[in-house]
Amino acid sequence: MNWVYWAKLYESKFQAGCLAKRMEEDWWIYGYECPQEVEVYRSKKGRFGVRYIV
């Protein structure tokens, strides 16, 4: 399986963590498939993003 990367990068790890938690808990509200794993990562430029495996 491959990682799917969320399009937006955030300035703080907290912001990315909030999105990751929402994806884990609220996936059914927004019509996403249930992610197997959600992870916050740091880009080469120092910003934070979210990636997940469906």
N, C-alpha and C. Protein backbone atom coordinates (compact mmCIF):
# COMPACT_ATOMS: atom_id res chain seq x y z
N MET A 1 0.83 -1.18 0.00
CA MET A 1 0.00 0.00 0.00
C MET A 1 0.88 1.25 0.00
N ASN A 2 0.37 2.29 -0.61
CA ASN A 2 1.10 3.56 -0.69
C ASN A 2 0.45 4.61 0.20
N TRP A 3 1.28 5.54 0.66
CA TRP A 3 0.78 6.65 1.45
C TRP A 3 0.02 7.62 0.55
N VAL A 4 -1.06 8.18 1.06
CA VAL A 4 -1.79 9.26 0.40
C VAL A 4 -1.48 10.51 1.21
N TYR A 5 -1.02 11.56 0.53
CA TYR A 5 -0.61 12.79 1.21
C TYR A 5 -1.71 13.84 1.11
N TRP A 6 -2.07 14.43 2.25
CA TRP A 6 -3.03 15.53 2.27
C TRP A 6 -2.37 16.72 1.58
N ALA A 7 -3.12 17.48 0.79
CA ALA A 7 -2.54 18.52 -0.07
C ALA A 7 -1.95 19.70 0.69
N LYS A 8 -2.44 20.01 1.87
CA LYS A 8 -2.01 21.22 2.57
C LYS A 8 -0.92 20.92 3.59
N LEU A 9 0.06 21.81 3.67
CA LEU A 9 1.09 21.74 4.71
C LEU A 9 0.81 22.83 5.75
N TYR A 10 1.15 22.56 6.99
CA TYR A 10 0.87 23.47 8.10
C TYR A 10 2.16 23.94 8.74
N GLU A 11 2.08 25.12 9.37
CA GLU A 11 3.25 25.70 10.03
C GLU A 11 3.59 24.98 11.33
N SER A 12 2.58 24.46 12.02
CA SER A 12 2.84 23.82 13.32
C SER A 12 2.43 22.35 13.31
N LYS A 13 3.10 21.59 14.13
CA LYS A 13 2.78 20.17 14.28
C LYS A 13 1.40 20.01 14.91
N PHE A 14 1.02 20.96 15.76
CA PHE A 14 -0.29 20.92 16.40
C PHE A 14 -1.41 20.98 15.37
N GLN A 15 -1.30 21.88 14.39
CA GLN A 15 -2.33 22.01 13.35
C GLN A 15 -2.46 20.72 12.56
N ALA A 16 -1.33 20.14 12.17
CA ALA A 16 -1.36 18.89 11.42
C ALA A 16 -1.92 17.76 12.28
N GLY A 17 -1.57 17.76 13.56
CA GLY A 17 -2.08 16.74 14.48
C GLY A 17 -3.59 16.81 14.64
N CYS A 18 -4.14 18.03 14.65
CA CYS A 18 -5.59 18.19 14.74
C CYS A 18 -6.28 17.59 13.52
N LEU A 19 -5.73 17.83 12.34
CA LEU A 19 -6.29 17.25 11.12
C LEU A 19 -6.18 15.73 11.17
N ALA A 20 -5.05 15.21 11.59
CA ALA A 20 -4.86 13.76 11.66
C ALA A 20 -5.89 13.12 12.60
N LYS A 21 -6.11 13.74 13.74
CA LYS A 21 -7.09 13.20 14.70
C LYS A 21 -8.49 13.25 14.13
N ARG A 22 -8.81 14.35 13.44
CA ARG A 22 -10.14 14.44 12.80
C ARG A 22 -10.32 13.36 11.75
N MET A 23 -9.27 13.08 10.99
CA MET A 23 -9.36 12.04 9.97
C MET A 23 -9.59 10.68 10.61
N GLU A 24 -8.95 10.43 11.73
CA GLU A 24 -9.12 9.14 12.42
C GLU A 24 -10.52 8.99 12.99
N GLU A 25 -11.05 10.07 13.57
CA GLU A 25 -12.32 9.99 14.29
C GLU A 25 -13.54 10.30 13.43
N ASP A 26 -13.42 11.23 12.48
CA ASP A 26 -14.58 11.74 11.75
C ASP A 26 -14.61 11.36 10.28
N TRP A 27 -13.90 10.32 9.89
CA TRP A 27 -13.82 9.95 8.47
C TRP A 27 -15.20 9.70 7.86
N TRP A 28 -16.11 9.11 8.62
CA TRP A 28 -17.43 8.74 8.10
C TRP A 28 -18.30 9.96 7.83
N ILE A 29 -18.08 11.07 8.56
CA ILE A 29 -18.88 12.28 8.36
C ILE A 29 -18.58 12.90 6.99
N TYR A 30 -17.32 12.90 6.61
CA TYR A 30 -16.90 13.57 5.38
C TYR A 30 -16.84 12.65 4.17
N GLY A 31 -17.21 11.40 4.34
CA GLY A 31 -17.27 10.48 3.22
C GLY A 31 -15.94 9.87 2.82
N TYR A 32 -14.92 9.97 3.69
CA TYR A 32 -13.64 9.32 3.40
C TYR A 32 -13.77 7.82 3.67
N GLU A 33 -12.88 7.06 3.08
CA GLU A 33 -12.75 5.67 3.49
C GLU A 33 -12.00 5.66 4.81
N CYS A 34 -12.26 4.67 5.63
CA CYS A 34 -11.61 4.58 6.94
C CYS A 34 -10.11 4.36 6.76
N PRO A 35 -9.27 5.29 7.22
CA PRO A 35 -7.82 5.10 7.06
C PRO A 35 -7.28 4.05 8.02
N GLN A 36 -6.38 3.20 7.53
CA GLN A 36 -5.75 2.19 8.38
C GLN A 36 -4.75 2.84 9.32
N GLU A 37 -4.02 3.82 8.81
CA GLU A 37 -3.00 4.49 9.59
C GLU A 37 -2.92 5.95 9.16
N VAL A 38 -2.80 6.85 10.13
CA VAL A 38 -2.67 8.28 9.86
C VAL A 38 -1.40 8.75 10.57
N GLU A 39 -0.61 9.57 9.88
CA GLU A 39 0.68 9.98 10.43
C GLU A 39 0.95 11.45 10.10
N VAL A 40 1.54 12.17 11.06
CA VAL A 40 2.02 13.53 10.83
C VAL A 40 3.48 13.42 10.43
N TYR A 41 3.87 14.10 9.36
CA TYR A 41 5.26 14.06 8.90
C TYR A 41 5.79 15.49 8.76
N ARG A 42 7.09 15.61 8.70
CA ARG A 42 7.74 16.92 8.51
C ARG A 42 8.36 16.97 7.12
N SER A 43 8.06 18.02 6.38
CA SER A 43 8.61 18.17 5.03
C SER A 43 10.06 18.65 5.11
N LYS A 44 10.72 18.63 3.97
CA LYS A 44 12.12 19.07 3.92
C LYS A 44 12.27 20.55 4.27
N LYS A 45 11.22 21.33 4.03
CA LYS A 45 11.26 22.76 4.33
C LYS A 45 10.83 23.07 5.76
N GLY A 46 10.52 22.04 6.54
CA GLY A 46 10.19 22.24 7.95
C GLY A 46 8.72 22.39 8.27
N ARG A 47 7.86 22.30 7.28
CA ARG A 47 6.42 22.39 7.54
C ARG A 47 5.89 20.99 7.81
N PHE A 48 4.67 20.91 8.34
CA PHE A 48 4.10 19.63 8.74
C PHE A 48 2.91 19.28 7.85
N GLY A 49 2.78 17.99 7.57
CA GLY A 49 1.69 17.50 6.76
C GLY A 49 1.13 16.22 7.34
N VAL A 50 0.07 15.74 6.71
CA VAL A 50 -0.59 14.51 7.14
C VAL A 50 -0.60 13.54 5.98
N ARG A 51 -0.28 12.30 6.27
CA ARG A 51 -0.38 11.25 5.26
C ARG A 51 -1.11 10.07 5.89
N TYR A 52 -1.74 9.28 5.03
CA TYR A 52 -2.53 8.15 5.54
C TYR A 52 -2.55 7.01 4.54
N ILE A 53 -2.88 5.85 5.05
CA ILE A 53 -3.05 4.65 4.23
C ILE A 53 -4.51 4.24 4.31
N VAL A 54 -5.14 4.06 3.15
CA VAL A 54 -6.55 3.66 3.12
C VAL A 54 -6.65 2.17 3.11
